[in-house]
Amino acid sequence: MAKDFIPVLVLIIFSTALAGGIVVFSHLVGPRRRLDAKLLPYECGIVPSAPARVRFPIRFYLTAILFVLFDIEVIFLYPWAVVLRQLRLFGFVEMAIFLLILVVGYVYAWKKGALEWE
């Protein structure tokens, strides 16, 4: 059973070594000129007019969290669609319940005004 995981271990070791090698190589070969212009924040080619540490309204975070929440829930639809014929009626009912909960959450967020922009 442990020998079944050897390819996964080899992949993890290889990808870690490759990522580390790329970082080390770019550090060794890349230029190291420190200029004041490089240390400035870059905003679409315009010199920044305000400090970078600005408070954002909570609506941005709420929208991002709702997007991630609904996006992750929709990801569960793909494996279900692959094995739908094997699950038959049981799988269909379970996914209908899952989608009902998803729609209830969406309607709740909509009614609370979480999806409205001012």
N, C-alpha and C. Protein backbone atom coordinates (compact mmCIF):
# COMPACT_ATOMS: atom_id res chain seq x y z
N MET A 1 0.82 -1.19 0.00
CA MET A 1 0.00 0.00 0.00
C MET A 1 0.87 1.25 0.00
N ALA A 2 1.95 1.25 0.76
CA ALA A 2 2.82 2.42 0.79
C ALA A 2 3.50 2.65 -0.55
N LYS A 3 3.72 1.59 -1.30
CA LYS A 3 4.38 1.76 -2.60
C LYS A 3 3.46 2.44 -3.61
N ASP A 4 2.17 2.49 -3.34
CA ASP A 4 1.24 3.20 -4.22
C ASP A 4 1.45 4.71 -4.15
N PHE A 5 1.98 5.19 -3.03
CA PHE A 5 2.16 6.62 -2.85
C PHE A 5 3.55 7.09 -3.27
N ILE A 6 4.40 6.22 -3.75
CA ILE A 6 5.74 6.60 -4.17
C ILE A 6 5.70 7.61 -5.32
N PRO A 7 4.85 7.44 -6.36
CA PRO A 7 4.81 8.47 -7.40
C PRO A 7 4.39 9.85 -6.88
N VAL A 8 3.48 9.88 -5.90
CA VAL A 8 3.07 11.15 -5.32
C VAL A 8 4.23 11.78 -4.57
N LEU A 9 4.96 10.98 -3.83
CA LEU A 9 6.12 11.48 -3.10
C LEU A 9 7.18 12.00 -4.06
N VAL A 10 7.42 11.27 -5.14
CA VAL A 10 8.40 11.72 -6.13
C VAL A 10 7.95 13.04 -6.76
N LEU A 11 6.66 13.18 -7.05
CA LEU A 11 6.15 14.42 -7.61
C LEU A 11 6.32 15.59 -6.64
N ILE A 12 6.03 15.37 -5.38
CA ILE A 12 6.18 16.43 -4.38
C ILE A 12 7.64 16.85 -4.26
N ILE A 13 8.54 15.87 -4.20
CA ILE A 13 9.97 16.17 -4.09
C ILE A 13 10.45 16.92 -5.33
N PHE A 14 10.06 16.44 -6.52
CA PHE A 14 10.49 17.07 -7.76
C PHE A 14 9.96 18.50 -7.87
N SER A 15 8.69 18.72 -7.56
CA SER A 15 8.12 20.06 -7.69
C SER A 15 8.72 21.02 -6.67
N THR A 16 8.98 20.54 -5.44
CA THR A 16 9.61 21.39 -4.44
C THR A 16 11.03 21.74 -4.85
N ALA A 17 11.77 20.76 -5.35
CA ALA A 17 13.14 21.02 -5.80
C ALA A 17 13.16 21.98 -6.99
N LEU A 18 12.22 21.83 -7.91
CA LEU A 18 12.16 22.71 -9.06
C LEU A 18 11.83 24.14 -8.64
N ALA A 19 10.85 24.30 -7.76
CA ALA A 19 10.48 25.65 -7.29
C ALA A 19 11.64 26.29 -6.55
N GLY A 20 12.27 25.54 -5.67
CA GLY A 20 13.42 26.07 -4.94
C GLY A 20 14.57 26.40 -5.87
N GLY A 21 14.81 25.55 -6.86
CA GLY A 21 15.88 25.80 -7.82
C GLY A 21 15.63 27.05 -8.64
N ILE A 22 14.42 27.28 -9.03
CA ILE A 22 14.09 28.48 -9.80
C ILE A 22 14.31 29.73 -8.96
N VAL A 23 13.90 29.70 -7.70
CA VAL A 23 14.09 30.86 -6.83
C VAL A 23 15.57 31.13 -6.61
N VAL A 24 16.34 30.09 -6.32
CA VAL A 24 17.78 30.27 -6.09
C VAL A 24 18.47 30.75 -7.36
N PHE A 25 18.12 30.17 -8.51
CA PHE A 25 18.74 30.57 -9.78
C PHE A 25 18.45 32.02 -10.10
N SER A 26 17.21 32.46 -9.92
CA SER A 26 16.88 33.86 -10.21
C SER A 26 17.57 34.80 -9.24
N HIS A 27 17.78 34.36 -8.02
CA HIS A 27 18.50 35.19 -7.05
C HIS A 27 19.98 35.32 -7.41
N LEU A 28 20.56 34.23 -7.90
CA LEU A 28 21.97 34.26 -8.26
C LEU A 28 22.22 35.03 -9.56
N VAL A 29 21.35 34.91 -10.52
CA VAL A 29 21.59 35.47 -11.84
C VAL A 29 20.99 36.86 -12.01
N GLY A 30 19.93 37.18 -11.30
CA GLY A 30 19.21 38.43 -11.50
C GLY A 30 19.99 39.65 -11.06
N PRO A 31 19.67 40.82 -11.64
CA PRO A 31 20.35 42.06 -11.26
C PRO A 31 19.91 42.52 -9.87
N ARG A 32 20.83 43.24 -9.22
CA ARG A 32 20.54 43.72 -7.86
C ARG A 32 20.76 45.22 -7.75
N ARG A 33 20.10 45.98 -8.57
CA ARG A 33 20.23 47.44 -8.50
C ARG A 33 19.07 48.00 -7.67
N ARG A 34 19.39 48.68 -6.61
CA ARG A 34 18.35 49.27 -5.76
C ARG A 34 18.17 50.74 -6.15
N LEU A 35 17.00 51.05 -6.68
CA LEU A 35 16.68 52.42 -7.05
C LEU A 35 15.45 52.86 -6.25
N ASP A 36 15.38 54.16 -6.02
CA ASP A 36 14.23 54.69 -5.28
C ASP A 36 12.93 54.47 -6.06
N ALA A 37 13.02 54.54 -7.37
CA ALA A 37 11.82 54.36 -8.19
C ALA A 37 11.28 52.94 -8.08
N LYS A 38 12.15 51.97 -7.87
CA LYS A 38 11.70 50.58 -7.75
C LYS A 38 10.97 50.34 -6.43
N LEU A 39 11.26 51.13 -5.44
CA LEU A 39 10.66 50.93 -4.13
C LEU A 39 9.30 51.61 -3.98
N LEU A 40 8.92 52.43 -4.96
CA LEU A 40 7.62 53.09 -4.91
C LEU A 40 6.53 52.11 -5.32
N PRO A 41 5.35 52.23 -4.73
CA PRO A 41 4.24 51.41 -5.22
C PRO A 41 3.84 51.86 -6.62
N TYR A 42 3.42 50.92 -7.43
CA TYR A 42 3.10 51.21 -8.83
C TYR A 42 1.61 51.08 -9.03
N GLU A 43 1.00 52.15 -9.52
CA GLU A 43 -0.43 52.15 -9.75
C GLU A 43 -0.72 52.57 -11.18
N CYS A 44 -0.67 51.65 -12.09
CA CYS A 44 -1.03 51.88 -13.49
C CYS A 44 -0.20 53.00 -14.12
N GLY A 45 1.05 53.11 -13.76
CA GLY A 45 1.91 54.12 -14.36
C GLY A 45 1.75 55.50 -13.78
N ILE A 46 0.94 55.64 -12.76
CA ILE A 46 0.70 56.95 -12.14
C ILE A 46 1.38 56.97 -10.78
N VAL A 47 2.00 58.08 -10.47
CA VAL A 47 2.62 58.24 -9.16
C VAL A 47 1.52 58.21 -8.11
N PRO A 48 1.68 57.41 -7.06
CA PRO A 48 0.61 57.28 -6.06
C PRO A 48 0.33 58.61 -5.37
N SER A 49 -0.95 58.88 -5.14
CA SER A 49 -1.34 60.14 -4.52
C SER A 49 -1.76 59.96 -3.06
N ALA A 50 -1.91 58.72 -2.62
CA ALA A 50 -2.35 58.46 -1.25
C ALA A 50 -1.51 57.31 -0.69
N PRO A 51 -1.48 57.18 0.62
CA PRO A 51 -0.72 56.05 1.18
C PRO A 51 -1.35 54.71 0.80
N ALA A 52 -0.53 53.69 0.79
CA ALA A 52 -1.01 52.37 0.38
C ALA A 52 -1.89 51.72 1.46
N ARG A 53 -1.75 52.12 2.68
CA ARG A 53 -2.52 51.55 3.78
C ARG A 53 -3.82 52.32 3.96
N VAL A 54 -4.79 52.03 3.12
CA VAL A 54 -6.08 52.70 3.16
C VAL A 54 -7.12 51.69 3.62
N ARG A 55 -8.04 52.13 4.44
CA ARG A 55 -9.11 51.24 4.88
C ARG A 55 -10.12 51.06 3.76
N PHE A 56 -10.48 49.81 3.53
CA PHE A 56 -11.50 49.50 2.52
C PHE A 56 -12.82 49.26 3.23
N PRO A 57 -13.90 49.60 2.58
CA PRO A 57 -15.22 49.30 3.17
C PRO A 57 -15.41 47.79 3.33
N ILE A 58 -16.17 47.40 4.31
CA ILE A 58 -16.41 45.99 4.60
C ILE A 58 -17.13 45.29 3.46
N ARG A 59 -17.81 46.05 2.60
CA ARG A 59 -18.52 45.47 1.46
C ARG A 59 -17.58 44.72 0.53
N PHE A 60 -16.34 45.19 0.37
CA PHE A 60 -15.38 44.50 -0.49
C PHE A 60 -15.09 43.11 0.06
N TYR A 61 -14.86 43.03 1.36
CA TYR A 61 -14.56 41.75 1.98
C TYR A 61 -15.77 40.82 1.96
N LEU A 62 -16.93 41.39 2.22
CA LEU A 62 -18.16 40.59 2.21
C LEU A 62 -18.42 40.02 0.82
N THR A 63 -18.22 40.83 -0.21
CA THR A 63 -18.41 40.35 -1.58
C THR A 63 -17.39 39.26 -1.91
N ALA A 64 -16.15 39.44 -1.49
CA ALA A 64 -15.12 38.44 -1.76
C ALA A 64 -15.43 37.13 -1.05
N ILE A 65 -15.87 37.21 0.19
CA ILE A 65 -16.19 35.99 0.93
C ILE A 65 -17.38 35.28 0.31
N LEU A 66 -18.40 36.03 -0.09
CA LEU A 66 -19.55 35.40 -0.74
C LEU A 66 -19.16 34.76 -2.07
N PHE A 67 -18.29 35.42 -2.82
CA PHE A 67 -17.83 34.84 -4.08
C PHE A 67 -17.10 33.53 -3.83
N VAL A 68 -16.19 33.53 -2.89
CA VAL A 68 -15.45 32.31 -2.58
C VAL A 68 -16.39 31.22 -2.08
N LEU A 69 -17.32 31.57 -1.22
CA LEU A 69 -18.27 30.60 -0.69
C LEU A 69 -19.10 29.95 -1.79
N PHE A 70 -19.71 30.75 -2.63
CA PHE A 70 -20.53 30.18 -3.70
C PHE A 70 -19.69 29.49 -4.77
N ASP A 71 -18.49 29.99 -5.00
CA ASP A 71 -17.61 29.37 -5.99
C ASP A 71 -17.18 27.98 -5.52
N ILE A 72 -16.83 27.86 -4.26
CA ILE A 72 -16.43 26.55 -3.72
C ILE A 72 -17.61 25.58 -3.74
N GLU A 73 -18.79 26.07 -3.45
CA GLU A 73 -19.95 25.18 -3.47
C GLU A 73 -20.26 24.70 -4.88
N VAL A 74 -20.06 25.54 -5.86
CA VAL A 74 -20.31 25.14 -7.24
C VAL A 74 -19.28 24.11 -7.70
N ILE A 75 -18.09 24.16 -7.15
CA ILE A 75 -17.05 23.18 -7.51
C ILE A 75 -17.51 21.76 -7.17
N PHE A 76 -18.36 21.62 -6.16
CA PHE A 76 -18.86 20.29 -5.80
C PHE A 76 -19.78 19.70 -6.87
N LEU A 77 -20.25 20.52 -7.79
CA LEU A 77 -21.13 20.01 -8.84
C LEU A 77 -20.37 19.16 -9.87
N TYR A 78 -19.10 19.43 -10.09
CA TYR A 78 -18.35 18.69 -11.12
C TYR A 78 -18.18 17.22 -10.79
N PRO A 79 -17.70 16.85 -9.60
CA PRO A 79 -17.59 15.42 -9.31
C PRO A 79 -18.95 14.72 -9.30
N TRP A 80 -19.96 15.44 -8.85
CA TRP A 80 -21.30 14.86 -8.84
C TRP A 80 -21.77 14.57 -10.27
N ALA A 81 -21.51 15.48 -11.19
CA ALA A 81 -21.93 15.28 -12.57
C ALA A 81 -21.21 14.10 -13.21
N VAL A 82 -19.98 13.85 -12.78
CA VAL A 82 -19.22 12.73 -13.35
C VAL A 82 -19.82 11.39 -12.93
N VAL A 83 -20.25 11.27 -11.69
CA VAL A 83 -20.74 9.99 -11.17
C VAL A 83 -22.27 9.96 -11.02
N LEU A 84 -22.95 10.84 -11.72
CA LEU A 84 -24.41 10.93 -11.57
C LEU A 84 -25.11 9.62 -11.91
N ARG A 85 -24.71 8.96 -12.97
CA ARG A 85 -25.39 7.71 -13.37
C ARG A 85 -25.17 6.60 -12.36
N GLN A 86 -24.05 6.62 -11.67
CA GLN A 86 -23.80 5.58 -10.67
C GLN A 86 -24.58 5.85 -9.38
N LEU A 87 -24.83 7.10 -9.08
CA LEU A 87 -25.54 7.44 -7.85
C LEU A 87 -27.05 7.29 -7.96
N ARG A 88 -27.55 7.39 -9.14
CA ARG A 88 -28.98 7.24 -9.45
C ARG A 88 -29.83 8.23 -8.67
N LEU A 89 -30.95 7.81 -8.15
CA LEU A 89 -31.90 8.69 -7.49
C LEU A 89 -31.34 9.27 -6.19
N PHE A 90 -30.59 8.46 -5.45
CA PHE A 90 -30.01 8.94 -4.19
C PHE A 90 -29.11 10.15 -4.43
N GLY A 91 -28.24 10.06 -5.42
CA GLY A 91 -27.34 11.18 -5.73
C GLY A 91 -28.10 12.40 -6.21
N PHE A 92 -29.16 12.18 -6.97
CA PHE A 92 -29.95 13.30 -7.45
C PHE A 92 -30.64 14.02 -6.30
N VAL A 93 -31.21 13.26 -5.37
CA VAL A 93 -31.89 13.87 -4.23
C VAL A 93 -30.90 14.61 -3.34
N GLU A 94 -29.75 14.01 -3.10
CA GLU A 94 -28.73 14.67 -2.27
C GLU A 94 -28.27 15.99 -2.90
N MET A 95 -28.05 15.99 -4.22
CA MET A 95 -27.63 17.23 -4.88
C MET A 95 -28.76 18.24 -4.93
N ALA A 96 -30.00 17.78 -5.03
CA ALA A 96 -31.13 18.71 -4.99
C ALA A 96 -31.19 19.40 -3.62
N ILE A 97 -30.96 18.66 -2.57
CA ILE A 97 -30.93 19.25 -1.22
C ILE A 97 -29.77 20.24 -1.10
N PHE A 98 -28.61 19.86 -1.62
CA PHE A 98 -27.43 20.73 -1.58
C PHE A 98 -27.71 22.03 -2.34
N LEU A 99 -28.30 21.92 -3.53
CA LEU A 99 -28.61 23.11 -4.32
C LEU A 99 -29.69 23.95 -3.66
N LEU A 100 -30.63 23.31 -2.99
CA LEU A 100 -31.66 24.06 -2.27
C LEU A 100 -31.03 24.90 -1.15
N ILE A 101 -30.11 24.30 -0.40
CA ILE A 101 -29.41 25.05 0.65
C ILE A 101 -28.60 26.19 0.03
N LEU A 102 -27.98 25.94 -1.11
CA LEU A 102 -27.21 26.97 -1.80
C LEU A 102 -28.11 28.13 -2.24
N VAL A 103 -29.27 27.82 -2.79
CA VAL A 103 -30.19 28.85 -3.24
C VAL A 103 -30.75 29.63 -2.05
N VAL A 104 -31.05 28.94 -0.96
CA VAL A 104 -31.54 29.64 0.24
C VAL A 104 -30.48 30.61 0.75
N GLY A 105 -29.23 30.20 0.77
CA GLY A 105 -28.15 31.10 1.18
C GLY A 105 -28.00 32.28 0.25
N TYR A 106 -28.13 32.03 -1.04
CA TYR A 106 -28.04 33.11 -2.03
C TYR A 106 -29.17 34.11 -1.86
N VAL A 107 -30.39 33.61 -1.68
CA VAL A 107 -31.55 34.51 -1.49
C VAL A 107 -31.40 35.29 -0.19
N TYR A 108 -30.89 34.64 0.86
CA TYR A 108 -30.68 35.34 2.13
C TYR A 108 -29.67 36.48 1.96
N ALA A 109 -28.56 36.20 1.27
CA ALA A 109 -27.56 37.24 1.04
C ALA A 109 -28.13 38.36 0.18
N TRP A 110 -28.95 38.01 -0.77
CA TRP A 110 -29.57 39.01 -1.64
C TRP A 110 -30.53 39.89 -0.85
N LYS A 111 -31.36 39.27 -0.01
CA LYS A 111 -32.34 40.03 0.79
C LYS A 111 -31.67 40.93 1.82
N LYS A 112 -30.53 40.50 2.33
CA LYS A 112 -29.79 41.31 3.31
C LYS A 112 -29.06 42.46 2.65
N GLY A 113 -29.01 42.47 1.31
CA GLY A 113 -28.34 43.57 0.59
C GLY A 113 -26.86 43.37 0.44
N ALA A 114 -26.36 42.15 0.63
CA ALA A 114 -24.93 41.90 0.53
C ALA A 114 -24.43 41.98 -0.90
N LEU A 115 -25.32 41.86 -1.86
CA LEU A 115 -24.93 41.89 -3.26
C LEU A 115 -25.19 43.24 -3.92
N GLU A 116 -25.65 44.21 -3.15
CA GLU A 116 -25.96 45.55 -3.69
C GLU A 116 -24.74 46.46 -3.60
N TRP A 117 -24.51 47.21 -4.67
CA TRP A 117 -23.45 48.22 -4.67
C TRP A 117 -24.11 49.59 -4.60
N GLU A 118 -23.49 50.48 -3.84
CA GLU A 118 -24.06 51.82 -3.70
C GLU A 118 -23.56 52.73 -4.80
